Protein backbone atom coordinates (compact mmCIF):
# COMPACT_ATOMS: atom_id res chain seq x y z
CA MET A 1 0.00 0.00 0.00
CA SER A 2 2.77 2.44 0.87
CA SER A 3 4.66 1.84 -2.34
CA HIS A 4 1.66 2.09 -4.65
CA GLY A 5 0.19 4.99 -2.68
CA ALA A 6 3.44 6.93 -3.07
CA PHE A 7 3.52 6.14 -6.80
CA ALA A 8 -0.06 7.40 -7.20
CA ALA A 9 0.67 10.50 -5.11
CA ALA A 10 3.67 11.35 -7.30
CA GLN A 11 1.38 11.44 -10.35
CA LEU A 12 -1.90 12.91 -9.07
CA ASP A 13 -2.73 16.59 -8.76
CA GLY A 14 -3.96 15.98 -5.20
CA GLY A 15 -0.74 14.17 -4.27
CA ALA A 16 -0.38 12.41 -0.93
CA GLU A 17 -3.33 14.29 0.55
CA LEU A 18 -5.71 12.82 -2.04
CA VAL A 19 -4.28 9.32 -1.59
CA GLU A 20 -4.77 9.62 2.17
CA GLN A 21 -8.37 10.81 1.71
CA VAL A 22 -9.11 7.81 -0.51
CA LYS A 23 -7.50 5.43 2.00
CA GLN A 24 -9.45 6.93 4.90
CA ASP A 25 -12.88 7.04 3.22
CA PRO A 26 -13.36 6.61 -0.53
CA SER A 27 -17.04 7.49 -0.14
CA THR A 28 -16.14 11.10 0.74
CA ALA A 29 -12.82 11.51 -1.10
CA PRO A 30 -12.81 13.93 -4.06
CA ILE A 31 -12.70 11.24 -6.76
CA SER A 32 -15.01 10.38 -9.63
CA ASP A 33 -18.13 8.31 -9.04
CA LYS A 34 -16.68 5.75 -11.45
CA LEU A 35 -13.50 5.34 -9.38
CA ARG A 36 -15.56 5.25 -6.18
CA ALA A 37 -17.69 2.41 -7.64
CA LEU A 38 -14.60 0.49 -8.76
CA LEU A 39 -13.00 0.89 -5.34
CA ALA A 40 -16.19 -0.48 -3.77
CA ILE A 41 -15.82 -3.57 -5.95
CA ALA A 42 -12.18 -3.88 -4.92
CA ALA A 43 -13.20 -3.65 -1.25
CA SER A 44 -15.74 -6.42 -1.79
CA VAL A 45 -13.07 -8.60 -3.41
CA GLN A 46 -10.91 -8.07 -0.34
CA VAL A 47 -13.66 -9.64 1.77
CA GLY A 48 -14.11 -12.48 -0.71
CA GLY A 49 -14.70 -12.91 -4.43
CA ARG A 50 -18.33 -13.87 -3.91
CA SER A 51 -18.89 -10.64 -1.98
CA VAL A 52 -19.04 -8.70 -5.26
CA THR A 53 -22.74 -8.31 -6.04
CA ALA A 54 -24.64 -7.70 -9.24
CA GLU A 55 -25.56 -4.33 -7.73
CA ASP A 56 -21.88 -3.46 -7.30
CA VAL A 57 -21.25 -4.23 -10.96
CA GLU A 58 -24.36 -2.36 -12.13
CA ASN A 59 -23.37 0.67 -10.05
CA ALA A 60 -19.92 0.72 -11.67
CA ARG A 61 -21.46 0.43 -15.14
CA ARG A 62 -23.96 3.20 -14.33
CA HIS A 63 -21.01 5.45 -13.53
CA GLY A 64 -19.23 4.66 -16.78
CA ALA A 65 -17.02 1.67 -15.96
CA THR A 66 -16.53 -0.77 -18.80
CA ASP A 67 -16.57 -4.52 -18.40
CA ILE A 68 -12.79 -4.48 -18.94
CA GLU A 69 -12.33 -1.95 -16.11
CA ILE A 70 -14.55 -4.02 -13.82
CA HIS A 71 -12.65 -7.18 -14.75
CA ASP A 72 -9.29 -5.50 -14.16
CA THR A 73 -10.47 -4.14 -10.80
CA VAL A 74 -11.45 -7.62 -9.63
CA LEU A 75 -8.23 -9.13 -11.00
CA ILE A 76 -5.95 -6.54 -9.41
CA ALA A 77 -7.74 -6.64 -6.06
CA ALA A 78 -7.63 -10.45 -5.97
CA ALA A 79 -3.98 -10.53 -6.97
CA PHE A 80 -3.01 -8.06 -4.26
CA CYS A 81 -4.93 -10.04 -1.64
CA MET A 82 -2.75 -13.00 -2.60
CA TYR A 83 0.47 -10.95 -2.72
CA ASN A 84 -0.23 -9.43 0.69
CA ARG A 85 -0.89 -12.83 2.25
CA TYR A 86 2.32 -14.14 0.70
CA VAL A 87 4.42 -11.23 1.97
CA ASP A 88 2.78 -11.32 5.39
CA GLY A 89 3.17 -15.10 5.61
CA LEU A 90 6.90 -14.76 5.03
CA ALA A 91 7.16 -11.94 7.58
CA THR A 92 8.84 -9.87 4.89
CA TRP A 93 10.51 -6.67 6.04
CA THR A 94 9.21 -3.44 4.51
CA PRO A 95 10.45 0.09 5.13
CA THR A 96 8.58 2.15 7.70
CA ASP A 97 9.85 5.54 6.51
CA PRO A 98 7.38 7.10 4.02
CA ALA A 99 10.27 9.08 2.48
CA ILE A 100 11.73 5.85 1.09
CA TYR A 101 8.51 5.13 -0.77
CA ALA A 102 8.25 8.72 -2.01
CA ALA A 103 11.82 8.66 -3.36
CA ASN A 104 11.24 5.34 -5.12
CA ALA A 105 7.99 6.68 -6.58
CA GLU A 106 9.73 9.76 -7.99
CA ARG A 107 12.36 7.52 -9.60
CA MET A 108 9.67 5.31 -11.13
CA VAL A 109 7.84 8.33 -12.52
CA GLU A 110 11.08 9.57 -14.09
CA VAL A 111 12.56 6.31 -15.45
CA GLY A 112 9.83 3.68 -15.09
CA TYR A 113 10.04 0.33 -13.39
CA LEU A 114 13.18 -0.70 -15.25
CA ALA A 115 15.97 1.32 -13.69
CA ILE A 116 19.23 1.44 -15.57
CA LEU A 117 21.65 -0.85 -13.82
CA PRO A 118 25.34 0.06 -13.58
CA THR A 119 27.59 -1.77 -16.00
CA LEU A 120 29.46 -4.58 -14.34
CA THR A 121 33.07 -5.02 -15.36
CA ALA A 122 35.27 -8.05 -14.92
CA GLY A 123 38.18 -7.90 -12.57
């Protein structure tokens, strides 16, 4: 969450404040109704895949979400549930300093996910 939140904050006009508002309460955050509906679907997926209702899907469609966007929302939310359980199950260490995430996010915005690695020389 910290890594992806920092990456979003580095690219959004509302920055970290907007990301925090969405994390605290997406129902009152200054985001589009479409995004709000997709985040509601993602929250349902977090509870369990069968928690997504026909009403959730219809609400997203009513606010302009395409079937592809709904599909991707479910896929991404489900994948991150699995990733988080995997990382938590391994007791993986993650940084606690938000500045580390912010610096990494700025780098990703500038050069993408594939950072240029230094050339290794023999000897």
